[in-house]
Amino acid sequence: MPVAVLTDQGMVAGCAFTVPGPKPQPCVTTKWTVGATRVTANGQPLLINPCVAICQSAEQIPGGPPIISSSQTRVVAT
């Protein structure tokens, strides 16, 4: 089965984040900052839930942490 690793991009939906000023800055990408410390796939740390990440606008303005809507629960990693 496919796995999510630290270099993967997450899908962002429903972000209403704005910064002061006239231009909305909704999140469009997710930057994962911490993955599993002992479990890897092809040398990349696996993503674990709860995740450590930040959502970013198209101009790389941080918008806060993502909310993961689903993940598999059959494997436990740290």
C-alpha atoms as a PDB file:
ATOM      1  CA  MET A   1       0.000   0.000   0.000  1.00  0.00           C
ATOM      2  CA  PRO A   2       1.188   3.565  -0.651  1.00  0.00           C
ATOM      3  CA  VAL A   3       2.449   5.525   2.333  1.00  0.00           C
ATOM      4  CA  ALA A   4       2.808   9.248   2.993  1.00  0.00           C
ATOM      5  CA  VAL A   5       6.364  10.465   3.573  1.00  0.00           C
ATOM      6  CA  LEU A   6       7.837  13.758   4.745  1.00  0.00           C
ATOM      7  CA  THR A   7       8.366  15.083   1.187  1.00  0.00           C
ATOM      8  CA  ASP A   8       4.745  14.482   0.066  1.00  0.00           C
ATOM      9  CA  GLN A   9       2.307  17.345  -0.459  1.00  0.00           C
ATOM     10  CA  GLY A  10      -1.099  17.209   1.197  1.00  0.00           C
ATOM     11  CA  MET A  11      -4.373  18.288  -0.360  1.00  0.00           C
ATOM     12  CA  VAL A  12      -5.742  21.470   1.232  1.00  0.00           C
ATOM     13  CA  ALA A  13      -9.466  22.197   1.205  1.00  0.00           C
ATOM     14  CA  GLY A  14     -11.655  24.701   3.016  1.00  0.00           C
ATOM     15  CA  CYS A  15      -8.947  27.116   4.202  1.00  0.00           C
ATOM     16  CA  ALA A  16     -10.420  30.549   4.944  1.00  0.00           C
ATOM     17  CA  PHE A  17      -7.193  32.088   6.300  1.00  0.00           C
ATOM     18  CA  THR A  18      -6.599  35.767   5.527  1.00  0.00           C
ATOM     19  CA  VAL A  19      -3.880  38.217   6.552  1.00  0.00           C
ATOM     20  CA  PRO A  20      -4.377  41.915   7.321  1.00  0.00           C
ATOM     21  CA  GLY A  21      -4.940  43.736   4.034  1.00  0.00           C
ATOM     22  CA  PRO A  22      -7.133  43.403   1.011  1.00  0.00           C
ATOM     23  CA  LYS A  23      -5.741  40.148  -0.405  1.00  0.00           C
ATOM     24  CA  PRO A  24      -7.004  36.761   0.858  1.00  0.00           C
ATOM     25  CA  GLN A  25      -4.248  34.203   1.470  1.00  0.00           C
ATOM     26  CA  PRO A  26      -5.899  30.754   1.593  1.00  0.00           C
ATOM     27  CA  CYS A  27      -3.678  27.760   2.250  1.00  0.00           C
ATOM     28  CA  VAL A  28      -2.772  25.776  -0.863  1.00  0.00           C
ATOM     29  CA  THR A  29       0.120  23.555   0.294  1.00  0.00           C
ATOM     30  CA  THR A  30       1.194  21.679   3.393  1.00  0.00           C
ATOM     31  CA  LYS A  31       4.784  21.651   4.637  1.00  0.00           C
ATOM     32  CA  TRP A  32       5.347  18.635   6.882  1.00  0.00           C
ATOM     33  CA  THR A  33       8.052  19.379   9.453  1.00  0.00           C
ATOM     34  CA  VAL A  34       8.382  16.173  11.491  1.00  0.00           C
ATOM     35  CA  GLY A  35       7.916  12.551  10.506  1.00  0.00           C
ATOM     36  CA  ALA A  36       8.488   9.223  12.202  1.00  0.00           C
ATOM     37  CA  THR A  37      11.931   8.871  13.763  1.00  0.00           C
ATOM     38  CA  ARG A  38      12.263   5.095  13.416  1.00  0.00           C
ATOM     39  CA  VAL A  39      10.044   4.158  10.458  1.00  0.00           C
ATOM     40  CA  THR A  40      10.969   5.057   6.869  1.00  0.00           C
ATOM     41  CA  ALA A  41       9.994   4.193   3.287  1.00  0.00           C
ATOM     42  CA  ASN A  42      12.701   4.494   0.629  1.00  0.00           C
ATOM     43  CA  GLY A  43      14.806   6.373   3.191  1.00  0.00           C
ATOM     44  CA  GLN A  44      12.123   9.017   3.884  1.00  0.00           C
ATOM     45  CA  PRO A  45      10.433   9.381   7.303  1.00  0.00           C
ATOM     46  CA  LEU A  46       6.765   8.363   7.264  1.00  0.00           C
ATOM     47  CA  LEU A  47       4.120  10.885   8.205  1.00  0.00           C
ATOM     48  CA  ILE A  48       2.424  10.102  11.473  1.00  0.00           C
ATOM     49  CA  ASN A  49      -0.814  11.331  13.008  1.00  0.00           C
ATOM     50  CA  PRO A  50      -0.955  13.599  14.917  1.00  0.00           C
ATOM     51  CA  CYS A  51       1.163  15.445  12.381  1.00  0.00           C
ATOM     52  CA  VAL A  52       3.574  18.319  12.782  1.00  0.00           C
ATOM     53  CA  ALA A  53       3.054  20.617   9.806  1.00  0.00           C
ATOM     54  CA  ILE A  54       2.124  24.078   8.625  1.00  0.00           C
ATOM     55  CA  CYS A  55      -0.220  25.082   5.814  1.00  0.00           C
ATOM     56  CA  GLN A  56       1.027  27.810   3.468  1.00  0.00           C
ATOM     57  CA  SER A  57      -0.518  30.189   0.949  1.00  0.00           C
ATOM     58  CA  ALA A  58       0.684  30.439  -2.646  1.00  0.00           C
ATOM     59  CA  GLU A  59       3.075  33.172  -1.436  1.00  0.00           C
ATOM     60  CA  GLN A  60       4.394  30.891   1.359  1.00  0.00           C
ATOM     61  CA  ILE A  61       2.576  32.770   4.152  1.00  0.00           C
ATOM     62  CA  PRO A  62       1.961  30.331   7.038  1.00  0.00           C
ATOM     63  CA  GLY A  63      -1.663  29.718   7.886  1.00  0.00           C
ATOM     64  CA  GLY A  64      -1.555  27.300  10.789  1.00  0.00           C
ATOM     65  CA  PRO A  65      -1.557  23.540  11.245  1.00  0.00           C
ATOM     66  CA  PRO A  66      -3.589  21.247   8.988  1.00  0.00           C
ATOM     67  CA  ILE A  67      -6.439  19.081  10.219  1.00  0.00           C
ATOM     68  CA  ILE A  68      -6.022  15.508   8.968  1.00  0.00           C
ATOM     69  CA  SER A  69      -9.412  14.132   7.913  1.00  0.00           C
ATOM     70  CA  SER A  70      -8.380  10.481   7.760  1.00  0.00           C
ATOM     71  CA  SER A  71      -5.398   8.181   8.129  1.00  0.00           C
ATOM     72  CA  GLN A  72      -4.808   4.475   8.488  1.00  0.00           C
ATOM     73  CA  THR A  73      -4.560   3.125  12.005  1.00  0.00           C
ATOM     74  CA  ARG A  74      -3.142  -0.371  11.559  1.00  0.00           C
ATOM     75  CA  VAL A  75       0.496   0.618  12.119  1.00  0.00           C
ATOM     76  CA  VAL A  76       1.863   2.552  15.084  1.00  0.00           C
ATOM     77  CA  ALA A  77       5.074   4.560  14.578  1.00  0.00           C
ATOM     78  CA  THR A  78       7.093   7.071  16.562  1.00  0.00           C
END
